[in-house]
Amino acid sequence: MNMRSSSAVVGLILGFAASLPAAEKAEPVRMGCGIMTFDTVPGWGLDDAGKPQLGPKGTHGGVAVGKDGSIYVSANFGVVVFNPEGKVLRRFITDEYTMIHDLKIRDEAEGEFLYGARNNAREGIKFNAQDGAIALRLTYPEEAGPKPEKFNPTAITVAPNGDIFLADGYASNRIFKFDKDGKYLKHFGVAGNGLKEFKTCHGMVLDTRSTPPRLLICDRNHEPKGRLLHYDLDGNFIEEVITGLGMPTSASIQGDYVSVPDLHGRVVILDKSNTIMAVLGHNPDPAKGRSYAIPQDQWIEGIFSGTHGSSWDKDGNLYVQDWNVSGRIMKLVRVKN
């Protein structure tokens, strides 16, 4: 486990006294430190009237960036695709795309495809990133045993060979492995608070910082504080990566770095050794961190609330989604030194 002392972590948190409510004409807020310094883009993703385009049912999902720079954001009512300037390109808003809790994108021979974990719909899906055509549905596999009363997938990711991993984080805390065609292969994981157990395997990503790649899993409710774990692609426990992360909800990899949203209202950035490099958007108010019910008129520029999803673009900029009643997405522009 690689962590800096708590005093060093505090030193990474940018002052927030100058932040302004998002409803006002806010100035950009700088956050982070060193090579992980970012400026916010006030009003990014809002319409011409200044209203969120991820409403009306709020956000509880993820973010994925395509190879052309398009930003795919899952909201409770569907998926909205933005360009880098925050203008809407298209939407997928039928019942097939609602409540996507986690979102990944993958460039394949037939084109780009989105993979989504739909917790309330009890399935994982794969669909074309351009026209939304559903290519695959992953439901509870009968081969895994009697169908449980609950099956609520919270995370999805894909191995280099196309194998798909679907985490049942809101129910059994098992992770199901399928081949690229959706054939069930195996499952692993057990509920609990032990070293090799999950207490809400909420987020998951293919960790390409390691050779061979492995799974990086967010064990959100592990006590005393949330943690990240490494498993190999056969479902074997490797190590506890880092602890003390609050409630880590998801993870996104770019190069040697990983961004980890914490539901309490911050994003932690780790390097390849899993040392904390920066803490972004830290919410100092315990009543507003980990809170869904922060309407737009109470948003504060540079301060997050229920941070849930993130993704990097090719330039190292970050897109961050809050778990939020009004539907909040933020762009953080990487400051070049």
Protein backbone atom coordinates (compact mmCIF):
# COMPACT_ATOMS: atom_id res chain seq x y z
CA MET A 1 0.00 0.00 0.00
CA ASN A 2 1.41 3.38 -1.01
CA MET A 3 -0.04 6.43 0.69
CA ARG A 4 1.32 9.78 1.68
CA SER A 5 0.71 11.02 5.17
CA SER A 6 -2.62 12.67 5.87
CA SER A 7 -0.93 16.04 6.24
CA ALA A 8 0.60 15.69 2.78
CA VAL A 9 -2.76 14.76 1.30
CA VAL A 10 -4.34 17.81 2.90
CA GLY A 11 -1.59 19.87 1.36
CA LEU A 12 -2.69 18.66 -2.07
CA ILE A 13 -6.21 20.00 -1.71
CA LEU A 14 -6.72 23.34 -3.45
CA GLY A 15 -8.28 26.15 -1.50
CA PHE A 16 -11.88 26.65 -2.35
CA ALA A 17 -12.78 29.94 -0.70
CA ALA A 18 -12.93 31.77 -4.02
CA SER A 19 -15.45 29.34 -5.54
CA LEU A 20 -18.75 30.74 -6.78
CA PRO A 21 -22.18 29.15 -7.11
CA ALA A 22 -22.55 27.58 -10.56
CA ALA A 23 -25.75 29.56 -11.17
CA GLU A 24 -23.65 32.72 -11.26
CA LYS A 25 -21.11 33.61 -13.91
CA ALA A 26 -18.26 31.74 -12.30
CA GLU A 27 -14.60 32.05 -13.06
CA PRO A 28 -12.53 28.90 -13.60
CA VAL A 29 -11.26 27.32 -10.40
CA ARG A 30 -7.77 25.80 -10.30
CA MET A 31 -7.32 22.56 -8.38
CA GLY A 32 -4.75 19.83 -7.85
CA CYS A 33 -0.98 20.27 -7.87
CA GLY A 34 2.14 19.65 -9.91
CA ILE A 35 1.57 17.71 -13.11
CA MET A 36 -2.01 17.01 -11.97
CA THR A 37 -3.23 20.62 -11.93
CA PHE A 38 -6.58 21.40 -13.58
CA ASP A 39 -8.87 24.35 -14.30
CA THR A 40 -12.64 23.95 -14.29
CA VAL A 41 -14.71 25.03 -17.30
CA PRO A 42 -17.72 26.91 -15.86
CA GLY A 43 -21.02 26.04 -17.53
CA TRP A 44 -19.64 23.13 -19.54
CA GLY A 45 -22.46 20.87 -20.73
CA LEU A 46 -25.26 23.32 -19.93
CA ASP A 47 -27.70 24.43 -22.62
CA ASP A 48 -28.03 28.00 -23.94
CA ALA A 49 -30.37 28.82 -21.05
CA GLY A 50 -27.82 27.59 -18.54
CA LYS A 51 -29.73 24.41 -17.65
CA PRO A 52 -28.26 20.90 -17.29
CA GLN A 53 -28.74 18.63 -20.29
CA LEU A 54 -28.56 15.48 -18.16
CA GLY A 55 -31.95 16.00 -16.49
CA PRO A 56 -34.72 15.65 -15.70
CA LYS A 57 -34.05 12.50 -13.67
CA GLY A 58 -30.53 13.24 -12.44
CA THR A 59 -27.22 11.44 -12.78
CA HIS A 60 -26.05 8.17 -11.23
CA GLY A 61 -23.71 6.85 -13.88
CA GLY A 62 -20.44 7.06 -15.73
CA VAL A 63 -18.42 8.84 -18.41
CA ALA A 64 -16.54 7.48 -21.43
CA VAL A 65 -14.52 9.32 -24.08
CA GLY A 66 -14.45 8.04 -27.67
CA LYS A 67 -11.51 8.04 -30.05
CA ASP A 68 -12.85 11.17 -31.82
CA GLY A 69 -13.09 13.04 -28.50
CA SER A 70 -16.86 12.63 -28.07
CA ILE A 71 -17.90 12.41 -24.42
CA TYR A 72 -20.57 9.83 -23.55
CA VAL A 73 -22.36 10.47 -20.25
CA SER A 74 -24.97 8.16 -18.75
CA ALA A 75 -27.83 9.86 -16.95
CA ASN A 76 -30.83 8.23 -15.33
CA PHE A 77 -32.94 8.92 -18.42
CA GLY A 78 -30.39 7.68 -20.97
CA VAL A 79 -27.04 8.55 -22.56
CA VAL A 80 -26.04 12.01 -23.84
CA VAL A 81 -23.11 12.50 -26.21
CA PHE A 82 -21.21 15.81 -26.02
CA ASN A 83 -18.45 17.30 -28.11
CA PRO A 84 -15.37 18.66 -26.28
CA GLU A 85 -16.98 22.13 -26.13
CA GLY A 86 -19.99 20.75 -24.23
CA LYS A 87 -22.54 20.81 -27.07
CA VAL A 88 -24.88 17.84 -27.48
CA LEU A 89 -24.22 15.67 -30.54
CA ARG A 90 -26.88 12.99 -29.99
CA ARG A 91 -28.84 11.16 -27.33
CA PHE A 92 -29.85 7.58 -26.59
CA ILE A 93 -32.96 8.00 -24.47
CA THR A 94 -35.28 5.01 -24.98
CA ASP A 95 -35.92 2.54 -22.17
CA GLU A 96 -32.96 0.42 -23.33
CA TYR A 97 -30.43 3.03 -22.15
CA THR A 98 -31.88 4.20 -18.83
CA MET A 99 -30.09 3.83 -15.49
CA ILE A 100 -26.67 2.87 -16.86
CA HIS A 101 -24.66 2.89 -13.66
CA ASP A 102 -21.23 2.36 -15.27
CA LEU A 103 -20.11 3.09 -18.82
CA LYS A 104 -17.05 1.99 -20.81
CA ILE A 105 -16.09 2.42 -24.47
CA ARG A 106 -14.03 0.13 -26.67
CA ASP A 107 -12.77 0.41 -30.23
CA GLU A 108 -13.37 -2.89 -32.01
CA ALA A 109 -13.11 -4.24 -35.57
CA GLU A 110 -16.77 -3.41 -36.24
CA GLY A 111 -16.52 0.08 -34.74
CA GLU A 112 -16.74 1.69 -31.30
CA PHE A 113 -19.02 0.08 -28.74
CA LEU A 114 -20.28 1.18 -25.35
CA TYR A 115 -20.59 -1.29 -22.50
CA GLY A 116 -23.01 -0.44 -19.71
CA ALA A 117 -23.98 -1.94 -16.36
CA ARG A 118 -27.70 -1.32 -15.77
CA ASN A 119 -28.30 -2.02 -12.11
CA ASN A 120 -32.07 -1.52 -12.00
CA ALA A 121 -32.58 -3.32 -15.31
CA ARG A 122 -30.57 -6.30 -13.98
CA GLU A 123 -28.30 -6.55 -17.01
CA GLY A 124 -25.17 -5.52 -18.80
CA ILE A 125 -25.42 -4.24 -22.37
CA LYS A 126 -23.17 -3.60 -25.35
CA PHE A 127 -24.31 -1.10 -27.97
CA ASN A 128 -22.96 0.75 -30.98
CA ALA A 129 -21.58 4.16 -30.04
CA GLN A 130 -22.86 5.81 -33.22
CA ASP A 131 -26.38 4.50 -33.73
CA GLY A 132 -27.12 2.85 -30.38
CA ALA A 133 -27.85 -0.58 -31.88
CA ILE A 134 -27.82 -3.18 -29.10
CA ALA A 135 -25.20 -5.83 -29.82
CA LEU A 136 -25.35 -7.89 -26.61
CA ARG A 137 -27.30 -8.29 -23.39
CA LEU A 138 -25.84 -9.94 -20.31
CA THR A 139 -28.37 -11.18 -17.79
CA TYR A 140 -27.88 -13.45 -14.80
CA PRO A 141 -26.37 -16.68 -16.19
CA GLU A 142 -28.33 -19.84 -15.32
CA GLU A 143 -25.05 -21.80 -15.25
CA ALA A 144 -23.99 -19.78 -12.20
CA GLY A 145 -26.68 -21.40 -10.04
CA PRO A 146 -30.24 -20.61 -8.96
CA LYS A 147 -31.36 -17.17 -10.01
CA PRO A 148 -31.08 -14.85 -7.03
CA GLU A 149 -33.83 -12.56 -5.82
CA LYS A 150 -31.61 -9.61 -6.65
CA PHE A 151 -29.11 -9.04 -9.47
CA ASN A 152 -27.99 -5.41 -9.67
CA PRO A 153 -24.86 -4.89 -11.82
CA THR A 154 -22.88 -1.79 -10.94
CA ALA A 155 -19.73 -2.04 -13.07
CA ILE A 156 -18.50 -3.48 -16.35
CA THR A 157 -15.15 -3.74 -18.10
CA VAL A 158 -13.58 -5.65 -20.99
CA ALA A 159 -10.34 -7.63 -21.24
CA PRO A 160 -7.97 -7.26 -24.22
CA ASN A 161 -9.35 -10.49 -25.75
CA GLY A 162 -12.94 -9.26 -25.46
CA ASP A 163 -13.94 -11.14 -22.30
CA ILE A 164 -16.48 -9.11 -20.34
CA PHE A 165 -16.58 -8.67 -16.56
CA LEU A 166 -19.84 -7.62 -14.89
CA ALA A 167 -19.84 -6.77 -11.16
CA ASP A 168 -23.01 -7.45 -9.14
CA GLY A 169 -22.07 -4.79 -6.63
CA TYR A 170 -25.52 -3.97 -5.27
CA ALA A 171 -26.50 -7.58 -4.59
CA SER A 172 -24.30 -10.69 -4.39
CA ASN A 173 -20.90 -8.96 -4.62
CA ARG A 174 -19.84 -11.50 -7.21
CA ILE A 175 -18.13 -10.68 -10.50
CA PHE A 176 -19.32 -12.58 -13.57
CA LYS A 177 -17.03 -13.30 -16.50
CA PHE A 178 -18.39 -13.80 -20.04
CA ASP A 179 -16.63 -14.28 -23.37
CA LYS A 180 -16.94 -11.68 -26.12
CA ASP A 181 -20.14 -13.32 -27.40
CA GLY A 182 -21.80 -13.31 -23.97
CA LYS A 183 -21.17 -16.94 -23.05
CA TYR A 184 -20.84 -17.38 -19.28
CA LEU A 185 -17.36 -18.49 -18.23
CA LYS A 186 -17.17 -18.20 -14.45
CA HIS A 187 -17.78 -16.01 -11.46
CA PHE A 188 -15.73 -15.07 -8.41
CA GLY A 189 -15.98 -13.01 -5.25
CA VAL A 190 -17.89 -13.25 -2.02
CA ALA A 191 -19.62 -10.71 0.20
CA GLY A 192 -17.86 -9.70 3.39
CA ASN A 193 -15.35 -7.33 4.93
CA GLY A 194 -12.30 -9.59 4.80
CA LEU A 195 -9.14 -9.14 2.78
CA LYS A 196 -10.41 -11.22 -0.15
CA GLU A 197 -14.08 -10.25 0.16
CA PHE A 198 -16.16 -7.44 -1.32
CA LYS A 199 -18.37 -5.05 0.59
CA THR A 200 -19.91 -3.43 -2.50
CA CYS A 201 -17.71 -4.07 -5.54
CA HIS A 202 -19.05 -0.83 -6.96
CA GLY A 203 -16.55 0.08 -9.69
CA MET A 204 -14.14 -1.81 -11.93
CA VAL A 205 -11.70 -1.06 -14.74
CA LEU A 206 -9.07 -2.88 -16.74
CA ASP A 207 -5.80 -1.72 -15.20
CA THR A 208 -3.40 -1.37 -18.13
CA ARG A 209 -0.69 0.07 -15.89
CA SER A 210 0.31 -3.53 -15.15
CA THR A 211 1.69 -6.19 -17.49
CA PRO A 212 -0.32 -8.28 -18.05
CA PRO A 213 -3.39 -6.10 -17.43
CA ARG A 214 -5.50 -6.88 -14.38
CA LEU A 215 -8.77 -5.81 -12.80
CA LEU A 216 -8.79 -2.77 -10.53
CA ILE A 217 -11.87 -3.05 -8.33
CA CYS A 218 -13.42 -0.36 -6.10
CA ASP A 219 -14.57 -2.00 -2.85
CA ARG A 220 -16.65 1.01 -1.90
CA ASN A 221 -18.04 0.13 1.52
CA HIS A 222 -15.09 -1.79 2.94
CA GLU A 223 -14.57 -0.80 6.58
CA PRO A 224 -13.05 1.24 8.04
CA LYS A 225 -12.60 3.07 4.69
CA GLY A 226 -13.04 2.16 1.03
CA ARG A 227 -10.21 0.55 -0.90
CA LEU A 228 -8.97 -0.61 -4.30
CA LEU A 229 -8.08 -4.23 -5.08
CA HIS A 230 -6.24 -6.03 -7.85
CA TYR A 231 -7.50 -9.33 -9.28
CA ASP A 232 -6.10 -11.15 -12.30
CA LEU A 233 -8.29 -11.85 -15.32
CA ASP A 234 -8.96 -15.39 -14.07
CA GLY A 235 -10.54 -13.99 -10.93
CA ASN A 236 -7.66 -14.60 -8.53
CA PHE A 237 -6.91 -12.12 -5.75
CA ILE A 238 -3.56 -10.36 -6.20
CA GLU A 239 -3.35 -7.58 -3.62
CA GLU A 240 -4.99 -4.79 -1.72
CA VAL A 241 -3.83 -1.74 -3.64
CA ILE A 242 -4.72 1.18 -1.35
CA THR A 243 -7.09 1.83 1.54
CA GLY A 244 -8.59 4.92 3.17
CA LEU A 245 -10.27 6.30 0.03
CA GLY A 246 -13.65 7.08 1.56
CA MET A 247 -16.24 5.59 -0.81
CA PRO A 248 -14.46 4.96 -4.14
CA THR A 249 -17.13 4.62 -6.82
CA SER A 250 -15.23 4.00 -10.07
CA ALA A 251 -11.83 4.29 -11.73
CA SER A 252 -10.48 5.49 -15.07
CA ILE A 253 -6.99 4.82 -16.43
CA GLN A 254 -4.81 6.95 -18.66
CA GLY A 255 -1.18 5.95 -19.04
CA ASP A 256 0.35 5.59 -15.58
CA TYR A 257 -2.47 7.42 -13.80
CA VAL A 258 -5.88 6.52 -12.45
CA SER A 259 -8.68 8.87 -11.39
CA VAL A 260 -10.88 7.59 -8.56
CA PRO A 261 -14.09 9.48 -7.71
CA ASP A 262 -15.10 9.33 -4.04
CA LEU A 263 -18.82 9.60 -3.30
CA HIS A 264 -18.05 12.04 -0.48
CA GLY A 265 -17.21 14.66 -3.12
CA ARG A 266 -13.66 14.52 -4.45
CA VAL A 267 -11.54 12.80 -7.11
CA VAL A 268 -8.27 11.18 -6.08
CA ILE A 269 -5.52 10.71 -8.68
CA LEU A 270 -2.97 7.94 -8.17
CA ASP A 271 0.25 7.25 -10.06
CA LYS A 272 1.56 3.85 -11.22
CA SER A 273 2.79 3.03 -7.72
CA ASN A 274 -0.69 3.93 -6.40
CA THR A 275 0.65 6.93 -4.52
CA ILE A 276 -1.80 9.84 -4.23
CA MET A 277 -0.75 12.59 -6.65
CA ALA A 278 -3.65 15.01 -6.23
CA VAL A 279 -7.10 15.45 -4.70
CA LEU A 280 -9.61 17.40 -6.82
CA GLY A 281 -12.83 19.19 -5.92
CA HIS A 282 -12.79 18.22 -2.25
CA ASN A 283 -16.07 19.05 -0.52
CA PRO A 284 -15.41 20.25 3.06
CA ASP A 285 -19.08 20.12 4.06
CA PRO A 286 -20.06 16.63 5.31
CA ALA A 287 -23.71 17.51 4.76
CA LYS A 288 -23.11 18.13 1.05
CA GLY A 289 -20.47 15.56 0.24
CA ARG A 290 -22.13 12.19 -0.45
CA SER A 291 -25.37 13.99 -1.19
CA TYR A 292 -27.63 13.47 -4.22
CA ALA A 293 -29.99 16.31 -3.37
CA ILE A 294 -27.84 19.30 -4.38
CA PRO A 295 -29.88 21.28 -6.94
CA GLN A 296 -28.18 23.36 -9.57
CA ASP A 297 -28.66 26.62 -7.67
CA GLN A 298 -26.51 25.17 -4.88
CA TRP A 299 -23.67 23.94 -7.07
CA ILE A 300 -20.32 25.56 -6.29
CA GLU A 301 -17.72 25.89 -9.00
CA GLY A 302 -14.76 23.66 -8.18
CA ILE A 303 -16.52 21.77 -5.39
CA PHE A 304 -17.96 18.30 -6.01
CA SER A 305 -20.71 16.53 -4.08
CA GLY A 306 -21.51 12.88 -4.86
CA THR A 307 -18.63 12.18 -7.25
CA HIS A 308 -19.49 9.02 -9.20
CA GLY A 309 -17.82 8.75 -12.63
CA SER A 310 -14.80 10.12 -14.49
CA SER A 311 -12.90 9.70 -17.73
CA TRP A 312 -9.82 11.18 -19.40
CA ASP A 313 -9.49 12.50 -22.94
CA LYS A 314 -6.36 12.18 -25.09
CA ASP A 315 -5.01 15.52 -23.79
CA GLY A 316 -5.26 14.50 -20.15
CA ASN A 317 -8.38 16.53 -19.42
CA LEU A 318 -10.90 14.98 -17.04
CA TYR A 319 -14.69 14.73 -17.25
CA VAL A 320 -16.34 14.16 -13.88
CA GLN A 321 -19.93 13.26 -13.09
CA ASP A 322 -21.65 13.82 -9.76
CA TRP A 323 -24.42 11.64 -8.39
CA ASN A 324 -26.86 14.52 -8.54
CA VAL A 325 -30.55 15.32 -8.65
CA SER A 326 -30.14 17.97 -11.37
CA GLY A 327 -27.67 16.03 -13.51
CA ARG A 328 -24.12 17.37 -13.18
CA ILE A 329 -21.10 16.86 -15.45
CA MET A 330 -17.88 18.90 -15.22
CA LYS A 331 -14.86 19.35 -17.46
CA LEU A 332 -11.43 19.84 -15.89
CA VAL A 333 -8.75 21.10 -18.26
CA ARG A 334 -5.22 19.89 -17.55
CA VAL A 335 -2.83 22.79 -16.98
CA LYS A 336 0.31 22.38 -19.07
CA ASN A 337 3.47 23.37 -17.25
